[in-house]
C-alpha atoms as a PDB file:
ATOM      1  CA  MET A   1      -0.393  -0.222  -0.128  1.00  0.00           C
ATOM      2  CA  ASP A   2       1.197   3.602  -0.984  1.00  0.00           C
ATOM      3  CA  ILE A   3       1.806   5.694   1.586  1.00  0.00           C
ATOM      4  CA  ASP A   4      -0.387   8.233  -0.511  1.00  0.00           C
ATOM      5  CA  ASP A   5      -3.490   5.667   0.184  1.00  0.00           C
ATOM      6  CA  ILE A   6      -3.016   5.448   3.964  1.00  0.00           C
ATOM      7  CA  LEU A   7      -2.510   9.017   4.631  1.00  0.00           C
ATOM      8  CA  ARG A   8      -6.183   9.283   2.608  1.00  0.00           C
ATOM      9  CA  GLU A   9      -7.391   6.921   4.980  1.00  0.00           C
ATOM     10  CA  VAL A  10      -6.164   8.350   8.280  1.00  0.00           C
ATOM     11  CA  ASP A  11      -6.842  12.443   7.164  1.00  0.00           C
ATOM     12  CA  PRO A  12      -9.925  12.488   3.974  1.00  0.00           C
ATOM     13  CA  THR A  13      -8.797  16.051   3.738  1.00  0.00           C
ATOM     14  CA  PHE A  14      -4.929  14.472   3.052  1.00  0.00           C
ATOM     15  CA  HIS A  15      -5.541  15.886  -0.692  1.00  0.00           C
ATOM     16  CA  ALA A  16      -6.449  19.238   0.707  1.00  0.00           C
ATOM     17  CA  ILE A  17      -3.008  19.529   1.859  1.00  0.00           C
ATOM     18  CA  PRO A  18      -0.111  21.321  -0.834  1.00  0.00           C
ATOM     19  CA  GLN A  19       1.980  18.805  -1.784  1.00  0.00           C
ATOM     20  CA  GLU A  20       5.459  20.207  -0.547  1.00  0.00           C
ATOM     21  CA  LYS A  21       3.659  20.013   2.774  1.00  0.00           C
ATOM     22  CA  ARG A  22       2.941  16.510   2.175  1.00  0.00           C
ATOM     23  CA  ASP A  23       6.183  15.781   1.205  1.00  0.00           C
ATOM     24  CA  LEU A  24       7.685  17.232   4.674  1.00  0.00           C
ATOM     25  CA  GLN A  25       5.227  14.595   6.101  1.00  0.00           C
ATOM     26  CA  GLU A  26       6.202  11.536   4.253  1.00  0.00           C
ATOM     27  CA  LEU A  27       9.220  12.281   5.273  1.00  0.00           C
ATOM     28  CA  THR A  28       9.312  13.050   8.616  1.00  0.00           C
ATOM     29  CA  ARG A  29       7.385   9.810   8.729  1.00  0.00           C
ATOM     30  CA  ALA A  30      10.012   7.925   6.473  1.00  0.00           C
ATOM     31  CA  TRP A  31      13.001   9.348   8.706  1.00  0.00           C
ATOM     32  CA  ILE A  32      11.083   8.274  12.372  1.00  0.00           C
ATOM     33  CA  ALA A  33      10.452   4.714  10.265  1.00  0.00           C
ATOM     34  CA  GLU A  34      13.881   4.155   9.299  1.00  0.00           C
ATOM     35  CA  ARG A  35      15.553   5.064  12.876  1.00  0.00           C
ATOM     36  CA  SER A  36      13.435   2.795  15.082  1.00  0.00           C
ATOM     37  CA  ALA A  37      13.385  -0.141  12.151  1.00  0.00           C
ATOM     38  CA  PRO A  38      16.133  -2.552  13.221  1.00  0.00           C
ATOM     39  CA  GLU A  39      16.587  -3.277   9.405  1.00  0.00           C
ATOM     40  CA  LEU A  40      16.842  -1.178   6.256  1.00  0.00           C
ATOM     41  CA  LEU A  41      13.079  -0.187   4.823  1.00  0.00           C
ATOM     42  CA  PRO A  42      12.408   0.357   1.174  1.00  0.00           C
ATOM     43  CA  TRP A  43      13.900   3.174  -0.343  1.00  0.00           C
ATOM     44  CA  PRO A  44      10.651   5.316  -1.232  1.00  0.00           C
ATOM     45  CA  ALA A  45       9.937   4.978  -4.792  1.00  0.00           C
ATOM     46  CA  ASN A  46       7.129   7.221  -5.743  1.00  0.00           C
ATOM     47  CA  GLY A  47       9.683  10.204  -6.719  1.00  0.00           C
ATOM     48  CA  LEU A  48       9.594  11.393  -2.740  1.00  0.00           C
ATOM     49  CA  PHE A  49      13.524  12.640  -3.267  1.00  0.00           C
ATOM     50  CA  GLU A  50      13.522  13.685  -6.405  1.00  0.00           C
ATOM     51  CA  ARG A  51      10.820  16.438  -5.376  1.00  0.00           C
ATOM     52  CA  ILE A  52      12.551  16.942  -1.889  1.00  0.00           C
ATOM     53  CA  ASN A  53      15.587  17.825  -3.299  1.00  0.00           C
ATOM     54  CA  SER A  54      14.503  19.774  -6.232  1.00  0.00           C
ATOM     55  CA  ASN A  55      12.331  21.780  -3.555  1.00  0.00           C
ATOM     56  CA  ILE A  56      15.695  22.482  -1.574  1.00  0.00           C
ATOM     57  CA  LYS A  57      17.347  23.693  -4.683  1.00  0.00           C
ATOM     58  CA  HIS A  58      14.326  25.595  -4.905  1.00  0.00           C
ATOM     59  CA  GLN A  59      14.683  27.250  -2.163  1.00  0.00           C
ATOM     60  CA  ILE A  60      18.626  27.688  -2.106  1.00  0.00           C
ATOM     61  CA  GLU A  61      18.227  29.830  -4.958  1.00  0.00           C
ATOM     62  CA  LYS A  62      15.219  32.146  -3.514  1.00  0.00           C
ATOM     63  CA  VAL A  63      17.412  32.830  -0.080  1.00  0.00           C
ATOM     64  CA  GLU A  64      20.261  33.652  -3.217  1.00  0.00           C
ATOM     65  CA  GLU A  65      18.140  35.595  -4.350  1.00  0.00           C
ATOM     66  CA  MET A  66      16.873  37.672  -1.356  1.00  0.00           C
ATOM     67  CA  THR A  67      20.005  37.873   0.364  1.00  0.00           C
ATOM     68  CA  GLY A  68      20.791  41.711   0.819  1.00  0.00           C
ATOM     69  CA  ASP A  69      17.627  43.097   0.453  1.00  0.00           C
ATOM     70  CA  MET A  70      17.322  45.555   3.450  1.00  0.00           C
ATOM     71  CA  ASP A  71      13.707  45.573   3.296  1.00  0.00           C
ATOM     72  CA  PRO A  72      12.755  44.235   6.353  1.00  0.00           C
ATOM     73  CA  LYS A  73       9.639  42.157   5.727  1.00  0.00           C
ATOM     74  CA  THR A  74      12.237  40.478   2.866  1.00  0.00           C
ATOM     75  CA  ASN A  75      14.220  39.984   5.627  1.00  0.00           C
ATOM     76  CA  PHE A  76      11.688  38.133   8.158  1.00  0.00           C
ATOM     77  CA  ALA A  77      10.317  36.060   5.272  1.00  0.00           C
ATOM     78  CA  LEU A  78      14.360  35.414   4.457  1.00  0.00           C
ATOM     79  CA  ILE A  79      14.878  33.738   7.833  1.00  0.00           C
ATOM     80  CA  VAL A  80      11.323  31.785   7.774  1.00  0.00           C
ATOM     81  CA  ILE A  81      12.668  30.366   4.283  1.00  0.00           C
ATOM     82  CA  GLN A  82      16.347  29.284   5.700  1.00  0.00           C
ATOM     83  CA  THR A  83      14.711  28.042   8.826  1.00  0.00           C
ATOM     84  CA  GLU A  84      12.245  25.822   6.549  1.00  0.00           C
ATOM     85  CA  LEU A  85      15.091  24.697   4.854  1.00  0.00           C
ATOM     86  CA  GLU A  86      17.296  23.936   7.596  1.00  0.00           C
ATOM     87  CA  ARG A  87      14.311  21.684   8.857  1.00  0.00           C
ATOM     88  CA  TYR A  88      14.578  19.963   5.441  1.00  0.00           C
ATOM     89  CA  ARG A  89      18.154  19.720   5.415  1.00  0.00           C
ATOM     90  CA  TYR A  90      18.022  17.740   9.131  1.00  0.00           C
ATOM     91  CA  LEU A  91      15.560  15.605   7.971  1.00  0.00           C
ATOM     92  CA  VAL A  92      17.686  14.395   4.930  1.00  0.00           C
ATOM     93  CA  ARG A  93      20.778  14.000   6.345  1.00  0.00           C
ATOM     94  CA  SER A  94      19.280  12.255   9.696  1.00  0.00           C
ATOM     95  CA  TYR A  95      17.695   9.875   7.094  1.00  0.00           C
ATOM     96  CA  LEU A  96      20.117   9.073   4.820  1.00  0.00           C
ATOM     97  CA  ARG A  97      22.754   8.905   7.885  1.00  0.00           C
ATOM     98  CA  ALA A  98      20.533   6.034   9.153  1.00  0.00           C
ATOM     99  CA  ARG A  99      20.100   4.022   5.846  1.00  0.00           C
ATOM    100  CA  ILE A 100      24.360   4.283   5.585  1.00  0.00           C
ATOM    101  CA  ALA A 101      24.646   3.227   8.636  1.00  0.00           C
ATOM    102  CA  LYS A 102      22.380  -0.045   8.678  1.00  0.00           C
ATOM    103  CA  ILE A 103      24.405  -0.796   4.929  1.00  0.00           C
ATOM    104  CA  ASP A 104      27.632  -0.417   6.858  1.00  0.00           C
ATOM    105  CA  ARG A 105      26.312  -2.710   9.074  1.00  0.00           C
ATOM    106  CA  HIS A 106      24.944  -5.275   6.874  1.00  0.00           C
ATOM    107  CA  THR A 107      26.399  -4.806   3.733  1.00  0.00           C
ATOM    108  CA  LEU A 108      26.829  -8.809   2.795  1.00  0.00           C
ATOM    109  CA  HIS A 109      22.999  -9.027   4.167  1.00  0.00           C
ATOM    110  CA  TYR A 110      21.819  -6.267   1.975  1.00  0.00           C
ATOM    111  CA  LEU A 111      23.448  -7.363  -1.473  1.00  0.00           C
ATOM    112  CA  SER A 112      22.997 -10.716  -1.074  1.00  0.00           C
ATOM    113  CA  THR A 113      19.501 -10.978  -2.658  1.00  0.00           C
ATOM    114  CA  ASP A 114      17.487  -9.296  -5.421  1.00  0.00           C
ATOM    115  CA  ALA A 115      14.974  -8.677  -3.122  1.00  0.00           C
ATOM    116  CA  LEU A 116      17.110  -7.019  -0.401  1.00  0.00           C
ATOM    117  CA  ARG A 117      18.992  -5.348  -2.773  1.00  0.00           C
ATOM    118  CA  SER A 118      16.059  -3.871  -4.251  1.00  0.00           C
ATOM    119  CA  ARG A 119      15.690  -1.309  -0.904  1.00  0.00           C
ATOM    120  CA  LEU A 120      18.348   0.439  -1.787  1.00  0.00           C
ATOM    121  CA  SER A 121      18.526   3.401  -4.137  1.00  0.00           C
ATOM    122  CA  GLU A 122      20.984   3.167  -7.025  1.00  0.00           C
ATOM    123  CA  MET A 123      23.456   5.352  -5.226  1.00  0.00           C
ATOM    124  CA  GLU A 124      22.719   3.069  -1.855  1.00  0.00           C
ATOM    125  CA  LEU A 125      23.205   0.292  -4.163  1.00  0.00           C
ATOM    126  CA  ALA A 126      26.883   1.376  -5.567  1.00  0.00           C
ATOM    127  CA  TYR A 127      28.344   2.664  -2.427  1.00  0.00           C
ATOM    128  CA  ALA A 128      27.202  -0.990  -0.610  1.00  0.00           C
ATOM    129  CA  THR A 129      29.042  -2.530  -3.577  1.00  0.00           C
ATOM    130  CA  ARG A 130      31.782   0.077  -3.498  1.00  0.00           C
ATOM    131  CA  HIS A 131      32.400  -0.515   0.492  1.00  0.00           C
ATOM    132  CA  GLN A 132      31.919  -4.065   0.224  1.00  0.00           C
ATOM    133  CA  ALA A 133      34.728  -4.207  -2.144  1.00  0.00           C
ATOM    134  CA  LEU A 134      36.980  -2.385  -0.242  1.00  0.00           C
ATOM    135  CA  LEU A 135      36.479  -4.411   2.721  1.00  0.00           C
ATOM    136  CA  HIS A 136      37.431  -7.320   1.046  1.00  0.00           C
ATOM    137  CA  ASN A 137      40.323  -6.306  -0.860  1.00  0.00           C
ATOM    138  CA  HIS A 138      41.391  -4.854   2.641  1.00  0.00           C
ATOM    139  CA  TYR A 139      40.698  -8.362   4.315  1.00  0.00           C
ATOM    140  CA  LEU A 140      42.652 -10.110   1.959  1.00  0.00           C
ATOM    141  CA  SER A 141      45.933  -7.932   2.198  1.00  0.00           C
ATOM    142  CA  SER A 142      45.644  -8.605   5.738  1.00  0.00           C
ATOM    143  CA  PHE A 143      45.143 -11.913   6.641  1.00  0.00           C
ATOM    144  CA  LEU A 144      42.563 -13.879   4.255  1.00  0.00           C
ATOM    145  CA  SER A 145      44.685 -14.416   1.512  1.00  0.00           C
ATOM    146  CA  SER A 146      46.827 -16.904   4.000  1.00  0.00           C
ATOM    147  CA  PHE A 147      43.961 -18.828   4.386  1.00  0.00           C
ATOM    148  CA  PRO A 148      43.033 -21.615   2.252  1.00  0.00           C
ATOM    149  CA  PRO A 149      40.638 -20.680  -0.893  1.00  0.00           C
ATOM    150  CA  ASN A 150      37.625 -22.408   0.545  1.00  0.00           C
ATOM    151  CA  LEU A 151      38.248 -20.247   3.723  1.00  0.00           C
ATOM    152  CA  GLN A 152      38.621 -16.816   2.123  1.00  0.00           C
ATOM    153  CA  ASN A 153      34.722 -16.034   1.181  1.00  0.00           C
ATOM    154  CA  LEU A 154      32.953 -13.869   3.854  1.00  0.00           C
ATOM    155  CA  ASN A 155      29.427 -15.236   2.974  1.00  0.00           C
ATOM    156  CA  ASP A 156      30.349 -18.732   3.572  1.00  0.00           C
ATOM    157  CA  ALA A 157      27.578 -20.776   4.404  1.00  0.00           C
ATOM    158  CA  SER A 158      28.922 -24.162   5.114  1.00  0.00           C
ATOM    159  CA  ALA A 159      27.331 -26.399   7.894  1.00  0.00           C
ATOM    160  CA  GLY A 160      24.376 -24.773   8.132  1.00  0.00           C
ATOM    161  CA  ILE A 161      26.202 -21.868   9.544  1.00  0.00           C
ATOM    162  CA  SER A 162      26.007 -18.353   7.617  1.00  0.00           C
ATOM    163  CA  MET A 163      28.566 -15.733   7.882  1.00  0.00           C
ATOM    164  CA  ILE A 164      26.266 -13.065   6.646  1.00  0.00           C
ATOM    165  CA  GLU A 165      25.305 -11.226   9.878  1.00  0.00           C
ATOM    166  CA  ALA A 166      21.668 -10.344   9.077  1.00  0.00           C
ATOM    167  CA  PRO A 167      19.605  -7.461  11.392  1.00  0.00           C
ATOM    168  CA  ASP A 168      17.722  -8.590  14.914  1.00  0.00           C
ATOM    169  CA  LEU A 169      14.477  -9.057  13.878  1.00  0.00           C
ATOM    170  CA  GLU A 170      13.029  -9.561  17.156  1.00  0.00           C
ATOM    171  CA  SER A 171      13.854  -5.896  17.930  1.00  0.00           C
ATOM    172  CA  ALA A 172      10.975  -4.435  19.921  1.00  0.00           C
ATOM    173  CA  VAL A 173       9.424  -1.533  18.163  1.00  0.00           C
ATOM    174  CA  PHE A 174       6.822   0.837  19.033  1.00  0.00           C
ATOM    175  CA  ILE A 175       4.292   0.983  16.483  1.00  0.00           C
ATOM    176  CA  ARG A 176       0.890   3.210  16.411  1.00  0.00           C
ATOM    177  CA  LEU A 177      -2.012   1.629  14.906  1.00  0.00           C
ATOM    178  CA  LEU A 178      -3.764   4.024  12.167  1.00  0.00           C
ATOM    179  CA  LYS A 179      -7.143   1.555  12.144  1.00  0.00           C
ATOM    180  CA  ASP A 180      -8.726  -1.037  14.416  1.00  0.00           C
ATOM    181  CA  ALA A 181      -6.961  -4.312  13.683  1.00  0.00           C
ATOM    182  CA  SER A 182      -6.140  -7.112  15.240  1.00  0.00           C
ATOM    183  CA  VAL A 183      -2.355  -7.625  16.904  1.00  0.00           C
ATOM    184  CA  ALA A 184      -0.918 -10.686  17.176  1.00  0.00           C
ATOM    185  CA  ALA A 185       2.558 -10.961  19.274  1.00  0.00           C
ATOM    186  CA  ARG A 186       4.767 -13.720  20.717  1.00  0.00           C
ATOM    187  CA  GLY A 187       6.077 -13.073  24.071  1.00  0.00           C
ATOM    188  CA  VAL A 188       8.760 -14.748  26.608  1.00  0.00           C
ATOM    189  CA  ASP A 189       6.244 -16.446  27.985  1.00  0.00           C
ATOM    190  CA  GLU A 190       2.972 -17.077  25.836  1.00  0.00           C
ATOM    191  CA  ASP A 191       1.620 -15.771  22.568  1.00  0.00           C
ATOM    192  CA  ASP A 192      -1.195 -13.353  22.083  1.00  0.00           C
ATOM    193  CA  ASP A 193      -4.043 -11.606  19.921  1.00  0.00           C
ATOM    194  CA  ALA A 194      -4.979  -8.834  20.884  1.00  0.00           C
ATOM    195  CA  GLU A 195      -8.204  -6.037  19.540  1.00  0.00           C
ATOM    196  CA  MET A 196      -6.314  -2.686  18.977  1.00  0.00           C
ATOM    197  CA  LYS A 197      -8.200   0.420  18.128  1.00  0.00           C
ATOM    198  CA  GLU A 198      -6.855   3.370  15.760  1.00  0.00           C
ATOM    199  CA  SER A 199      -4.191   5.328  17.868  1.00  0.00           C
ATOM    200  CA  ASP A 200      -3.226   2.980  20.263  1.00  0.00           C
ATOM    201  CA  ILE A 201       0.586   2.591  20.662  1.00  0.00           C
ATOM    202  CA  VAL A 202       2.222  -1.084  21.611  1.00  0.00           C
ATOM    203  CA  ILE A 203       5.736  -2.120  21.760  1.00  0.00           C
ATOM    204  CA  LEU A 204       6.294  -5.604  19.558  1.00  0.00           C
ATOM    205  CA  ARG A 205       8.843  -7.319  17.980  1.00  0.00           C
ATOM    206  CA  TRP A 206       9.588  -5.904  14.659  1.00  0.00           C
ATOM    207  CA  SER A 207       8.753  -9.775  12.769  1.00  0.00           C
ATOM    208  CA  ASP A 208       5.348  -9.004  14.363  1.00  0.00           C
ATOM    209  CA  ALA A 209       5.090  -5.165  13.708  1.00  0.00           C
ATOM    210  CA  LYS A 210       6.261  -5.451  10.465  1.00  0.00           C
ATOM    211  CA  PRO A 211       3.328  -7.403   8.439  1.00  0.00           C
ATOM    212  CA  LEU A 212       0.941  -4.552  10.133  1.00  0.00           C
ATOM    213  CA  VAL A 213       3.502  -1.655   8.941  1.00  0.00           C
ATOM    214  CA  ASP A 214       3.694  -3.134   5.672  1.00  0.00           C
ATOM    215  CA  ALA A 215      -0.082  -3.399   5.320  1.00  0.00           C
ATOM    216  CA  GLY A 216      -0.732   0.061   6.147  1.00  0.00           C
ATOM    217  CA  SER A 217      -2.435  -0.703   9.442  1.00  0.00           C
ATOM    218  CA  ALA A 218       0.501   0.799  11.904  1.00  0.00           C
ATOM    219  CA  GLU A 219       3.492   2.882  11.462  1.00  0.00           C
ATOM    220  CA  LEU A 220       6.725   3.069  13.409  1.00  0.00           C
ATOM    221  CA  VAL A 221       7.102   6.139  16.509  1.00  0.00           C
END
């Protein structure tokens, strides 16, 4: 389900909001979700970052045009624009840093299958590929070259044990229900199902929360 569909269900007046404000809301949600989820979430495929980057570029050009104008009204407008611009830039930087940190931590995992590779943007995929190549070459020159050839792979899965470290999908996350839904959760002593109401906030294992988030029934907080 697309984020626009989710927001339309939650707020019927969603499409009455200007596109720039909708993009800011979507960017904020993506930033919160990325920082909360233990694994890398899919890169927004609806052109969000293309629009955000275009808006940032437009705002920078506007600031450059207005800089030096001594009119008090213009100066006040310039302060407002610069404040909004910094908010956009902070969210973008923090969002990308959160994603890069996950890629650095589990590079081989995200390069291991087409499904996982599809979560990365083109630039992230190029970064991850280059990062892994440099790391492997460093290990080879440092110590791997002295090992037998069959022990030099970093993605070995012999004896049923994979050397590829994956994110911990059992990590706890907080989610907010966007609609009434049945929540299935696994506990230490027993499992349980509960009927939750819209706006309820619950803590679950990410593996239990992910289906609700993917279906648009909940969002990470």
